[in-house]
Structures are given as structure tokens and as C-alpha cells.
Amino acid sequence: MECCSITELRNKEVINAKSGCRIGFVSDVEINTCDGRLSAIIIWGRPRCFGLFGKEEDIRVCWENIQVIGHDTILVCADIPDRHQRPSHRPPPRAGLFDNLFRYN
């Protein structure tokens, strides 16, 4: 069994094995003080608009959802929403001012 310090853990990127998407980098850890074991890793939410409007919600990944801790990455298997996912219902594009300028009837 290989040991890893918290500092080394913070440099690892977390990837969701279910979707293959990047979640982010480990920002913090949660330790159970009763038994001294790591109970979760925390990925801080990204700031919105240069931090002026707060930030996204932090992501907490329980220890049970961690599959592999590698040299550079941590693979997790959890139902975590993709941060880069766009809504599936996009409104149709509106006609612009110059869209019909060169249309021949």
C-alpha cells in the first residue's frame, strides 16, 4: 500500500469515470476525527464572473466513490453533474439584422 500526503493529494485531478469528464482538482479533504480516516475529498466550485457573483457549489466526493488514486489523477464513480454540460433545450436562434440582407427572392 502506497501512502500519499494531503499536499500530494491536492495536486491530483479528479475525473468522473461514469462520464469521463473532469471534475477539478482536490481542494480540501474531510477527515473523520473519531477514527482518523479520510471520509471525503472536496473540489471547490469555480468562481462566477471573476468572483464578483459568488461561486458554484463545492463538490464533495465520498471515500466510497473513489475507485483509483493514481500518480496524477483520481478516478471516481459518482453521480456528479457535468460542469460544462449545456442545457438540452436551447431556444432557436433569432434572425439578426443582416440575415436577410443578401437573400434573393
PDB file of N, CA and C in Angstrom:
ATOM      1  N   MET A   1       0.838  -1.181   0.000  1.00  0.00           N
ATOM      2  CA  MET A   1       0.000   0.000   0.000  1.00  0.00           C
ATOM      3  C   MET A   1       0.884   1.245   0.000  1.00  0.00           C
ATOM      4  N   GLU A   2       0.610   2.138  -0.917  1.00  0.00           N
ATOM      5  CA  GLU A   2       1.369   3.374  -1.021  1.00  0.00           C
ATOM      6  C   GLU A   2       0.698   4.464  -0.209  1.00  0.00           C
ATOM      7  N   CYS A   3       1.483   5.299   0.416  1.00  0.00           N
ATOM      8  CA  CYS A   3       0.943   6.416   1.195  1.00  0.00           C
ATOM      9  C   CYS A   3       1.003   7.693   0.372  1.00  0.00           C
ATOM     10  N   CYS A   4       0.118   8.621   0.695  1.00  0.00           N
ATOM     11  CA  CYS A   4       0.040   9.885  -0.025  1.00  0.00           C
ATOM     12  C   CYS A   4      -0.258  10.981   0.987  1.00  0.00           C
ATOM     13  N   SER A   5       0.475  12.063   0.916  1.00  0.00           N
ATOM     14  CA  SER A   5       0.223  13.175   1.825  1.00  0.00           C
ATOM     15  C   SER A   5      -0.924  14.034   1.284  1.00  0.00           C
ATOM     16  N   ILE A   6      -1.464  14.870   2.136  1.00  0.00           N
ATOM     17  CA  ILE A   6      -2.553  15.753   1.717  1.00  0.00           C
ATOM     18  C   ILE A   6      -2.063  16.743   0.667  1.00  0.00           C
ATOM     19  N   THR A   7      -0.822  17.178   0.790  1.00  0.00           N
ATOM     20  CA  THR A   7      -0.256  18.089  -0.206  1.00  0.00           C
ATOM     21  C   THR A   7      -0.181  17.420  -1.575  1.00  0.00           C
ATOM     22  N   GLU A   8       0.220  16.164  -1.619  1.00  0.00           N
ATOM     23  CA  GLU A   8       0.268  15.436  -2.882  1.00  0.00           C
ATOM     24  C   GLU A   8      -1.132  15.201  -3.424  1.00  0.00           C
ATOM     25  N   LEU A   9      -2.080  14.974  -2.531  1.00  0.00           N
ATOM     26  CA  LEU A   9      -3.457  14.742  -2.939  1.00  0.00           C
ATOM     27  C   LEU A   9      -4.052  15.985  -3.584  1.00  0.00           C
ATOM     28  N   ARG A  10      -3.675  17.163  -3.110  1.00  0.00           N
ATOM     29  CA  ARG A  10      -4.204  18.417  -3.660  1.00  0.00           C
ATOM     30  C   ARG A  10      -3.744  18.682  -5.087  1.00  0.00           C
ATOM     31  N   ASN A  11      -2.670  18.056  -5.525  1.00  0.00           N
ATOM     32  CA  ASN A  11      -2.170  18.257  -6.885  1.00  0.00           C
ATOM     33  C   ASN A  11      -2.797  17.308  -7.890  1.00  0.00           C
ATOM     34  N   LYS A  12      -3.687  16.453  -7.447  1.00  0.00           N
ATOM     35  CA  LYS A  12      -4.285  15.458  -8.336  1.00  0.00           C
ATOM     36  C   LYS A  12      -5.605  15.956  -8.921  1.00  0.00           C
ATOM     37  N   GLU A  13      -5.824  15.610 -10.173  1.00  0.00           N
ATOM     38  CA  GLU A  13      -7.047  15.986 -10.859  1.00  0.00           C
ATOM     39  C   GLU A  13      -8.080  14.884 -10.669  1.00  0.00           C
ATOM     40  N   VAL A  14      -9.332  15.259 -10.439  1.00  0.00           N
ATOM     41  CA  VAL A  14     -10.405  14.297 -10.219  1.00  0.00           C
ATOM     42  C   VAL A  14     -11.212  14.160 -11.499  1.00  0.00           C
ATOM     43  N   ILE A  15     -11.395  12.899 -11.939  1.00  0.00           N
ATOM     44  CA  ILE A  15     -12.131  12.608 -13.167  1.00  0.00           C
ATOM     45  C   ILE A  15     -13.256  11.646 -12.840  1.00  0.00           C
ATOM     46  N   ASN A  16     -14.438  11.926 -13.369  1.00  0.00           N
ATOM     47  CA  ASN A  16     -15.586  11.054 -13.167  1.00  0.00           C
ATOM     48  C   ASN A  16     -15.506   9.903 -14.155  1.00  0.00           C
ATOM     49  N   ALA A  17     -15.407   8.672 -13.654  1.00  0.00           N
ATOM     50  CA  ALA A  17     -15.281   7.501 -14.517  1.00  0.00           C
ATOM     51  C   ALA A  17     -16.581   7.196 -15.252  1.00  0.00           C
ATOM     52  N   LYS A  18     -17.721   7.614 -14.726  1.00  0.00           N
ATOM     53  CA  LYS A  18     -19.011   7.366 -15.382  1.00  0.00           C
ATOM     54  C   LYS A  18     -19.143   8.154 -16.677  1.00  0.00           C
ATOM     55  N   SER A  19     -18.778   9.437 -16.626  1.00  0.00           N
ATOM     56  CA  SER A  19     -18.956  10.297 -17.796  1.00  0.00           C
ATOM     57  C   SER A  19     -17.647  10.607 -18.509  1.00  0.00           C
ATOM     58  N   GLY A  20     -16.519  10.383 -17.850  1.00  0.00           N
ATOM     59  CA  GLY A  20     -15.225  10.702 -18.447  1.00  0.00           C
ATOM     60  C   GLY A  20     -14.876  12.177 -18.372  1.00  0.00           C
ATOM     61  N   CYS A  21     -15.646  12.958 -17.643  1.00  0.00           N
ATOM     62  CA  CYS A  21     -15.430  14.401 -17.555  1.00  0.00           C
ATOM     63  C   CYS A  21     -14.534  14.760 -16.375  1.00  0.00           C
ATOM     64  N   ARG A  22     -13.805  15.841 -16.552  1.00  0.00           N
ATOM     65  CA  ARG A  22     -13.008  16.377 -15.453  1.00  0.00           C
ATOM     66  C   ARG A  22     -13.925  17.058 -14.459  1.00  0.00           C
ATOM     67  N   ILE A  23     -13.653  16.824 -13.182  1.00  0.00           N
ATOM     68  CA  ILE A  23     -14.419  17.494 -12.143  1.00  0.00           C
ATOM     69  C   ILE A  23     -13.640  18.686 -11.619  1.00  0.00           C
ATOM     70  N   GLY A  24     -12.342  18.530 -11.480  1.00  0.00           N
ATOM     71  CA  GLY A  24     -11.489  19.603 -10.973  1.00  0.00           C
ATOM     72  C   GLY A  24     -10.342  19.013 -10.176  1.00  0.00           C
ATOM     73  N   PHE A  25      -9.689  19.850  -9.424  1.00  0.00           N
ATOM     74  CA  PHE A  25      -8.576  19.411  -8.587  1.00  0.00           C
ATOM     75  C   PHE A  25      -9.027  19.349  -7.137  1.00  0.00           C
ATOM     76  N   VAL A  26      -8.419  18.451  -6.384  1.00  0.00           N
ATOM     77  CA  VAL A  26      -8.736  18.322  -4.965  1.00  0.00           C
ATOM     78  C   VAL A  26      -8.356  19.628  -4.269  1.00  0.00           C
ATOM     79  N   SER A  27      -9.304  20.215  -3.572  1.00  0.00           N
ATOM     80  CA  SER A  27      -9.067  21.470  -2.872  1.00  0.00           C
ATOM     81  C   SER A  27      -8.944  21.273  -1.375  1.00  0.00           C
ATOM     82  N   ASP A  28      -9.667  20.302  -0.851  1.00  0.00           N
ATOM     83  CA  ASP A  28      -9.696  20.082   0.585  1.00  0.00           C
ATOM     84  C   ASP A  28     -10.043  18.619   0.832  1.00  0.00           C
ATOM     85  N   VAL A  29      -9.837  18.177   2.038  1.00  0.00           N
ATOM     86  CA  VAL A  29     -10.210  16.817   2.421  1.00  0.00           C
ATOM     87  C   VAL A  29     -11.053  16.883   3.687  1.00  0.00           C
ATOM     88  N   GLU A  30     -11.848  15.855   3.880  1.00  0.00           N
ATOM     89  CA  GLU A  30     -12.665  15.747   5.074  1.00  0.00           C
ATOM     90  C   GLU A  30     -12.207  14.499   5.823  1.00  0.00           C
ATOM     91  N   ILE A  31     -11.821  14.670   7.079  1.00  0.00           N
ATOM     92  CA  ILE A  31     -11.291  13.566   7.874  1.00  0.00           C
ATOM     93  C   ILE A  31     -12.223  13.307   9.047  1.00  0.00           C
ATOM     94  N   ASN A  32     -12.536  12.038   9.261  1.00  0.00           N
ATOM     95  CA  ASN A  32     -13.338  11.644  10.406  1.00  0.00           C
ATOM     96  C   ASN A  32     -12.423  11.636  11.621  1.00  0.00           C
ATOM     97  N   THR A  33     -12.674  12.502  12.572  1.00  0.00           N
ATOM     98  CA  THR A  33     -11.774  12.631  13.723  1.00  0.00           C
ATOM     99  C   THR A  33     -11.929  11.486  14.720  1.00  0.00           C
ATOM    100  N   CYS A  34     -13.034  10.744  14.642  1.00  0.00           N
ATOM    101  CA  CYS A  34     -13.218   9.615  15.564  1.00  0.00           C
ATOM    102  C   CYS A  34     -12.258   8.476  15.250  1.00  0.00           C
ATOM    103  N   ASP A  35     -12.131   8.130  13.972  1.00  0.00           N
ATOM    104  CA  ASP A  35     -11.247   7.027  13.613  1.00  0.00           C
ATOM    105  C   ASP A  35     -10.018   7.461  12.815  1.00  0.00           C
ATOM    106  N   GLY A  36      -9.912   8.754  12.491  1.00  0.00           N
ATOM    107  CA  GLY A  36      -8.732   9.272  11.810  1.00  0.00           C
ATOM    108  C   GLY A  36      -8.621   8.876  10.358  1.00  0.00           C
ATOM    109  N   ARG A  37      -9.741   8.589   9.706  1.00  0.00           N
ATOM    110  CA  ARG A  37      -9.728   8.178   8.298  1.00  0.00           C
ATOM    111  C   ARG A  37     -10.273   9.281   7.404  1.00  0.00           C
ATOM    112  N   LEU A  38      -9.810   9.263   6.178  1.00  0.00           N
ATOM    113  CA  LEU A  38     -10.298  10.201   5.171  1.00  0.00           C
ATOM    114  C   LEU A  38     -11.714   9.801   4.782  1.00  0.00           C
ATOM    115  N   SER A  39     -12.666  10.708   4.898  1.00  0.00           N
ATOM    116  CA  SER A  39     -14.050  10.368   4.574  1.00  0.00           C
ATOM    117  C   SER A  39     -14.510  10.955   3.242  1.00  0.00           C
ATOM    118  N   ALA A  40     -13.883  12.032   2.785  1.00  0.00           N
ATOM    119  CA  ALA A  40     -14.290  12.635   1.516  1.00  0.00           C
ATOM    120  C   ALA A  40     -13.209  13.587   1.017  1.00  0.00           C
ATOM    121  N   ILE A  41     -13.247  13.835  -0.295  1.00  0.00           N
ATOM    122  CA  ILE A  41     -12.423  14.894  -0.886  1.00  0.00           C
ATOM    123  C   ILE A  41     -13.372  15.982  -1.362  1.00  0.00           C
ATOM    124  N   ILE A  42     -12.910  17.213  -1.309  1.00  0.00           N
ATOM    125  CA  ILE A  42     -13.729  18.369  -1.682  1.00  0.00           C
ATOM    126  C   ILE A  42     -13.086  19.054  -2.879  1.00  0.00           C
ATOM    127  N   ILE A  43     -13.910  19.354  -3.881  1.00  0.00           N
ATOM    128  CA  ILE A  43     -13.471  20.141  -5.030  1.00  0.00           C
ATOM    129  C   ILE A  43     -14.237  21.456  -4.958  1.00  0.00           C
ATOM    130  N   TRP A  44     -13.521  22.539  -4.808  1.00  0.00           N
ATOM    131  CA  TRP A  44     -14.175  23.843  -4.685  1.00  0.00           C
ATOM    132  C   TRP A  44     -14.860  24.219  -5.985  1.00  0.00           C
ATOM    133  N   GLY A  45     -15.966  24.926  -5.854  1.00  0.00           N
ATOM    134  CA  GLY A  45     -16.684  25.414  -7.022  1.00  0.00           C
ATOM    135  C   GLY A  45     -15.926  26.544  -7.693  1.00  0.00           C
ATOM    136  N   ARG A  46     -16.116  26.657  -8.986  1.00  0.00           N
ATOM    137  CA  ARG A  46     -15.441  27.717  -9.741  1.00  0.00           C
ATOM    138  C   ARG A  46     -16.079  29.067  -9.466  1.00  0.00           C
ATOM    139  N   PRO A  47     -15.285  30.129  -9.448  1.00  0.00           N
ATOM    140  CA  PRO A  47     -15.868  31.469  -9.250  1.00  0.00           C
ATOM    141  C   PRO A  47     -16.672  31.891 -10.474  1.00  0.00           C
ATOM    142  N   ARG A  48     -17.696  32.673 -10.234  1.00  0.00           N
ATOM    143  CA  ARG A  48     -18.525  33.187 -11.323  1.00  0.00           C
ATOM    144  C   ARG A  48     -18.129  34.627 -11.602  1.00  0.00           C
ATOM    145  N   CYS A  49     -17.884  34.935 -12.839  1.00  0.00           N
ATOM    146  CA  CYS A  49     -17.600  36.297 -13.300  1.00  0.00           C
ATOM    147  C   CYS A  49     -16.540  36.969 -12.418  1.00  0.00           C
ATOM    148  N   PHE A  50     -15.355  36.372 -12.415  1.00  0.00           N
ATOM    149  CA  PHE A  50     -14.196  36.897 -11.678  1.00  0.00           C
ATOM    150  C   PHE A  50     -14.435  36.967 -10.170  1.00  0.00           C
ATOM    151  N   GLY A  51     -15.346  36.145  -9.663  1.00  0.00           N
ATOM    152  CA  GLY A  51     -15.609  36.109  -8.233  1.00  0.00           C
ATOM    153  C   GLY A  51     -16.543  37.192  -7.734  1.00  0.00           C
ATOM    154  N   LEU A  52     -17.059  38.019  -8.637  1.00  0.00           N
ATOM    155  CA  LEU A  52     -17.942  39.110  -8.219  1.00  0.00           C
ATOM    156  C   LEU A  52     -19.325  38.613  -7.831  1.00  0.00           C
ATOM    157  N   PHE A  53     -19.745  37.487  -8.400  1.00  0.00           N
ATOM    158  CA  PHE A  53     -21.089  36.979  -8.150  1.00  0.00           C
ATOM    159  C   PHE A  53     -21.048  35.633  -7.435  1.00  0.00           C
ATOM    160  N   GLY A  54     -20.088  35.442  -6.553  1.00  0.00           N
ATOM    161  CA  GLY A  54     -20.011  34.205  -5.787  1.00  0.00           C
ATOM    162  C   GLY A  54     -19.309  33.106  -6.567  1.00  0.00           C
ATOM    163  N   LYS A  55     -19.644  31.869  -6.245  1.00  0.00           N
ATOM    164  CA  LYS A  55     -19.028  30.740  -6.916  1.00  0.00           C
ATOM    165  C   LYS A  55     -20.026  29.596  -6.995  1.00  0.00           C
ATOM    166  N   GLU A  56     -19.675  28.605  -7.826  1.00  0.00           N
ATOM    167  CA  GLU A  56     -20.508  27.428  -7.946  1.00  0.00           C
ATOM    168  C   GLU A  56     -20.422  26.610  -6.666  1.00  0.00           C
ATOM    169  N   GLU A  57     -21.332  25.707  -6.491  1.00  0.00           N
ATOM    170  CA  GLU A  57     -21.372  24.874  -5.293  1.00  0.00           C
ATOM    171  C   GLU A  57     -20.170  23.920  -5.265  1.00  0.00           C
ATOM    172  N   ASP A  58     -19.601  23.734  -4.071  1.00  0.00           N
ATOM    173  CA  ASP A  58     -18.493  22.795  -3.908  1.00  0.00           C
ATOM    174  C   ASP A  58     -18.986  21.371  -4.130  1.00  0.00           C
ATOM    175  N   ILE A  59     -18.095  20.510  -4.616  1.00  0.00           N
ATOM    176  CA  ILE A  59     -18.429  19.114  -4.862  1.00  0.00           C
ATOM    177  C   ILE A  59     -17.735  18.265  -3.815  1.00  0.00           C
ATOM    178  N   ARG A  60     -18.503  17.434  -3.143  1.00  0.00           N
ATOM    179  CA  ARG A  60     -17.984  16.527  -2.114  1.00  0.00           C
ATOM    180  C   ARG A  60     -18.068  15.107  -2.651  1.00  0.00           C
ATOM    181  N   VAL A  61     -16.921  14.421  -2.708  1.00  0.00           N
ATOM    182  CA  VAL A  61     -16.866  13.045  -3.191  1.00  0.00           C
ATOM    183  C   VAL A  61     -16.520  12.145  -2.012  1.00  0.00           C
ATOM    184  N   CYS A  62     -17.442  11.251  -1.653  1.00  0.00           N
ATOM    185  CA  CYS A  62     -17.225  10.338  -0.530  1.00  0.00           C
ATOM    186  C   CYS A  62     -16.122   9.337  -0.853  1.00  0.00           C
ATOM    187  N   TRP A  63     -15.472   8.858   0.173  1.00  0.00           N
ATOM    188  CA  TRP A  63     -14.381   7.898   0.033  1.00  0.00           C
ATOM    189  C   TRP A  63     -14.850   6.635  -0.692  1.00  0.00           C
ATOM    190  N   GLU A  64     -16.089   6.214  -0.459  1.00  0.00           N
ATOM    191  CA  GLU A  64     -16.620   5.006  -1.091  1.00  0.00           C
ATOM    192  C   GLU A  64     -16.729   5.153  -2.604  1.00  0.00           C
ATOM    193  N   ASN A  65     -16.818   6.388  -3.115  1.00  0.00           N
ATOM    194  CA  ASN A  65     -16.958   6.625  -4.553  1.00  0.00           C
ATOM    195  C   ASN A  65     -15.626   6.738  -5.271  1.00  0.00           C
ATOM    196  N   ILE A  66     -14.524   6.729  -4.535  1.00  0.00           N
ATOM    197  CA  ILE A  66     -13.203   6.818  -5.155  1.00  0.00           C
ATOM    198  C   ILE A  66     -12.784   5.431  -5.600  1.00  0.00           C
ATOM    199  N   GLN A  67     -12.493   5.284  -6.904  1.00  0.00           N
ATOM    200  CA  GLN A  67     -12.099   3.985  -7.440  1.00  0.00           C
ATOM    201  C   GLN A  67     -10.594   3.792  -7.403  1.00  0.00           C
ATOM    202  N   VAL A  68      -9.862   4.759  -7.960  1.00  0.00           N
ATOM    203  CA  VAL A  68      -8.405   4.634  -8.087  1.00  0.00           C
ATOM    204  C   VAL A  68      -7.761   5.980  -7.781  1.00  0.00           C
ATOM    205  N   ILE A  69      -6.700   5.945  -6.999  1.00  0.00           N
ATOM    206  CA  ILE A  69      -5.870   7.131  -6.804  1.00  0.00           C
ATOM    207  C   ILE A  69      -4.560   6.849  -7.518  1.00  0.00           C
ATOM    208  N   GLY A  70      -4.364   7.516  -8.638  1.00  0.00           N
ATOM    209  CA  GLY A  70      -3.165   7.320  -9.437  1.00  0.00           C
ATOM    210  C   GLY A  70      -2.114   8.361  -9.129  1.00  0.00           C
ATOM    211  N   HIS A  71      -1.076   8.374  -9.969  1.00  0.00           N
ATOM    212  CA  HIS A  71       0.023   9.311  -9.770  1.00  0.00           C
ATOM    213  C   HIS A  71      -0.419  10.755 -10.022  1.00  0.00           C
ATOM    214  N   ASP A  72      -1.236  10.961 -11.062  1.00  0.00           N
ATOM    215  CA  ASP A  72      -1.675  12.312 -11.435  1.00  0.00           C
ATOM    216  C   ASP A  72      -3.165  12.549 -11.238  1.00  0.00           C
ATOM    217  N   THR A  73      -3.951  11.473 -11.266  1.00  0.00           N
ATOM    218  CA  THR A  73      -5.400  11.635 -11.261  1.00  0.00           C
ATOM    219  C   THR A  73      -6.066  10.736 -10.226  1.00  0.00           C
ATOM    220  N   ILE A  74      -7.301  11.092  -9.922  1.00  0.00           N
ATOM    221  CA  ILE A  74      -8.163  10.293  -9.062  1.00  0.00           C
ATOM    222  C   ILE A  74      -9.418   9.993  -9.861  1.00  0.00           C
ATOM    223  N   LEU A  75      -9.741   8.714 -10.014  1.00  0.00           N
ATOM    224  CA  LEU A  75     -10.951   8.312 -10.714  1.00  0.00           C
ATOM    225  C   LEU A  75     -12.040   8.056  -9.695  1.00  0.00           C
ATOM    226  N   VAL A  76     -13.184   8.685  -9.909  1.00  0.00           N
ATOM    227  CA  VAL A  76     -14.320   8.499  -9.020  1.00  0.00           C
ATOM    228  C   VAL A  76     -15.507   8.009  -9.830  1.00  0.00           C
ATOM    229  N   CYS A  77     -16.383   7.297  -9.192  1.00  0.00           N
ATOM    230  CA  CYS A  77     -17.598   6.810  -9.836  1.00  0.00           C
ATOM    231  C   CYS A  77     -18.775   7.331  -9.026  1.00  0.00           C
ATOM    232  N   ALA A  78     -19.303   8.466  -9.435  1.00  0.00           N
ATOM    233  CA  ALA A  78     -20.377   9.111  -8.687  1.00  0.00           C
ATOM    234  C   ALA A  78     -21.286   9.864  -9.643  1.00  0.00           C
ATOM    235  N   ASP A  79     -22.496  10.108  -9.197  1.00  0.00           N
ATOM    236  CA  ASP A  79     -23.448  10.898  -9.986  1.00  0.00           C
ATOM    237  C   ASP A  79     -23.208  12.365  -9.713  1.00  0.00           C
ATOM    238  N   ILE A  80     -22.250  12.911 -10.423  1.00  0.00           N
ATOM    239  CA  ILE A  80     -21.875  14.313 -10.268  1.00  0.00           C
ATOM    240  C   ILE A  80     -22.248  15.033 -11.557  1.00  0.00           C
ATOM    241  N   PRO A  81     -22.983  16.130 -11.471  1.00  0.00           N
ATOM    242  CA  PRO A  81     -23.357  16.839 -12.700  1.00  0.00           C
ATOM    243  C   PRO A  81     -22.128  17.417 -13.387  1.00  0.00           C
ATOM    244  N   ASP A  82     -22.140  17.344 -14.705  1.00  0.00           N
ATOM    245  CA  ASP A  82     -21.042  17.873 -15.504  1.00  0.00           C
ATOM    246  C   ASP A  82     -21.105  19.392 -15.474  1.00  0.00           C
ATOM    247  N   ARG A  83     -20.003  20.027 -15.117  1.00  0.00           N
ATOM    248  CA  ARG A  83     -19.969  21.489 -15.032  1.00  0.00           C
ATOM    249  C   ARG A  83     -20.022  22.150 -16.403  1.00  0.00           C
ATOM    250  N   HIS A  84     -19.610  21.427 -17.435  1.00  0.00           N
ATOM    251  CA  HIS A  84     -19.566  22.011 -18.773  1.00  0.00           C
ATOM    252  C   HIS A  84     -20.795  21.645 -19.598  1.00  0.00           C
ATOM    253  N   GLN A  85     -21.733  20.928 -18.987  1.00  0.00           N
ATOM    254  CA  GLN A  85     -22.910  20.489 -19.708  1.00  0.00           C
ATOM    255  C   GLN A  85     -23.807  21.673 -20.027  1.00  0.00           C
ATOM    256  N   ARG A  86     -24.230  21.740 -21.249  1.00  0.00           N
ATOM    257  CA  ARG A  86     -25.129  22.813 -21.669  1.00  0.00           C
ATOM    258  C   ARG A  86     -26.561  22.304 -21.609  1.00  0.00           C
ATOM    259  N   PRO A  87     -27.498  23.176 -21.378  1.00  0.00           N
ATOM    260  CA  PRO A  87     -28.890  22.721 -21.347  1.00  0.00           C
ATOM    261  C   PRO A  87     -29.306  22.171 -22.700  1.00  0.00           C
ATOM    262  N   SER A  88     -30.110  21.107 -22.675  1.00  0.00           N
ATOM    263  CA  SER A  88     -30.508  20.462 -23.925  1.00  0.00           C
ATOM    264  C   SER A  88     -31.583  21.249 -24.661  1.00  0.00           C
ATOM    265  N   HIS A  89     -32.299  22.105 -23.989  1.00  0.00           N
ATOM    266  CA  HIS A  89     -33.350  22.886 -24.622  1.00  0.00           C
ATOM    267  C   HIS A  89     -32.844  24.301 -24.887  1.00  0.00           C
ATOM    268  N   ARG A  90     -32.247  24.485 -26.023  1.00  0.00           N
ATOM    269  CA  ARG A  90     -31.779  25.816 -26.399  1.00  0.00           C
ATOM    270  C   ARG A  90     -32.838  26.485 -27.234  1.00  0.00           C
ATOM    271  N   PRO A  91     -33.077  27.753 -27.027  1.00  0.00           N
ATOM    272  CA  PRO A  91     -34.067  28.440 -27.857  1.00  0.00           C
ATOM    273  C   PRO A  91     -33.528  28.577 -29.281  1.00  0.00           C
ATOM    274  N   PRO A  92     -34.422  28.594 -30.258  1.00  0.00           N
ATOM    275  CA  PRO A  92     -33.968  28.746 -31.636  1.00  0.00           C
ATOM    276  C   PRO A  92     -33.300  30.104 -31.836  1.00  0.00           C
ATOM    277  N   PRO A  93     -32.309  30.160 -32.703  1.00  0.00           N
ATOM    278  CA  PRO A  93     -31.637  31.445 -32.920  1.00  0.00           C
ATOM    279  C   PRO A  93     -32.584  32.457 -33.551  1.00  0.00           C
ATOM    280  N   ARG A  94     -32.459  33.686 -33.106  1.00  0.00           N
ATOM    281  CA  ARG A  94     -33.289  34.756 -33.646  1.00  0.00           C
ATOM    282  C   ARG A  94     -32.645  35.282 -34.926  1.00  0.00           C
ATOM    283  N   ALA A  95     -33.493  35.752 -35.796  1.00  0.00           N
ATOM    284  CA  ALA A  95     -32.999  36.346 -37.036  1.00  0.00           C
ATOM    285  C   ALA A  95     -32.330  37.671 -36.712  1.00  0.00           C
ATOM    286  N   GLY A  96     -31.138  37.845 -37.223  1.00  0.00           N
ATOM    287  CA  GLY A  96     -30.410  39.074 -36.979  1.00  0.00           C
ATOM    288  C   GLY A  96     -30.742  40.147 -37.993  1.00  0.00           C
ATOM    289  N   LEU A  97     -30.148  41.285 -37.826  1.00  0.00           N
ATOM    290  CA  LEU A  97     -30.409  42.427 -38.686  1.00  0.00           C
ATOM    291  C   LEU A  97     -29.945  42.177 -40.113  1.00  0.00           C
ATOM    292  N   PHE A  98     -28.807  41.499 -40.274  1.00  0.00           N
ATOM    293  CA  PHE A  98     -28.221  41.333 -41.600  1.00  0.00           C
ATOM    294  C   PHE A  98     -28.479  39.945 -42.195  1.00  0.00           C
ATOM    295  N   ASP A  99     -29.321  39.121 -41.567  1.00  0.00           N
ATOM    296  CA  ASP A  99     -29.555  37.780 -42.074  1.00  0.00           C
ATOM    297  C   ASP A  99     -30.243  37.766 -43.421  1.00  0.00           C
ATOM    298  N   ASN A 100     -31.174  38.667 -43.671  1.00  0.00           N
ATOM    299  CA  ASN A 100     -31.929  38.680 -44.915  1.00  0.00           C
ATOM    300  C   ASN A 100     -31.420  39.733 -45.888  1.00  0.00           C
ATOM    301  N   LEU A 101     -30.289  40.310 -45.643  1.00  0.00           N
ATOM    302  CA  LEU A 101     -29.775  41.392 -46.471  1.00  0.00           C
ATOM    303  C   LEU A 101     -29.445  40.927 -47.883  1.00  0.00           C
ATOM    304  N   PHE A 102     -28.818  39.754 -48.016  1.00  0.00           N
ATOM    305  CA  PHE A 102     -28.395  39.269 -49.338  1.00  0.00           C
ATOM    306  C   PHE A 102     -29.250  38.125 -49.827  1.00  0.00           C
ATOM    307  N   ARG A 103     -30.458  38.012 -49.346  1.00  0.00           N
ATOM    308  CA  ARG A 103     -31.346  36.948 -49.788  1.00  0.00           C
ATOM    309  C   ARG A 103     -32.061  37.402 -51.059  1.00  0.00           C
ATOM    310  N   TYR A 104     -32.053  36.510 -52.038  1.00  0.00           N
ATOM    311  CA  TYR A 104     -32.756  36.805 -53.299  1.00  0.00           C
ATOM    312  C   TYR A 104     -34.071  36.048 -53.301  1.00  0.00           C
ATOM    313  N   ASN A 105     -35.144  36.732 -53.682  1.00  0.00           N
ATOM    314  CA  ASN A 105     -36.464  36.081 -53.744  1.00  0.00           C
ATOM    315  C   ASN A 105     -36.766  35.642 -55.134  1.00  0.00           C
TER     316      ASN A 105
END
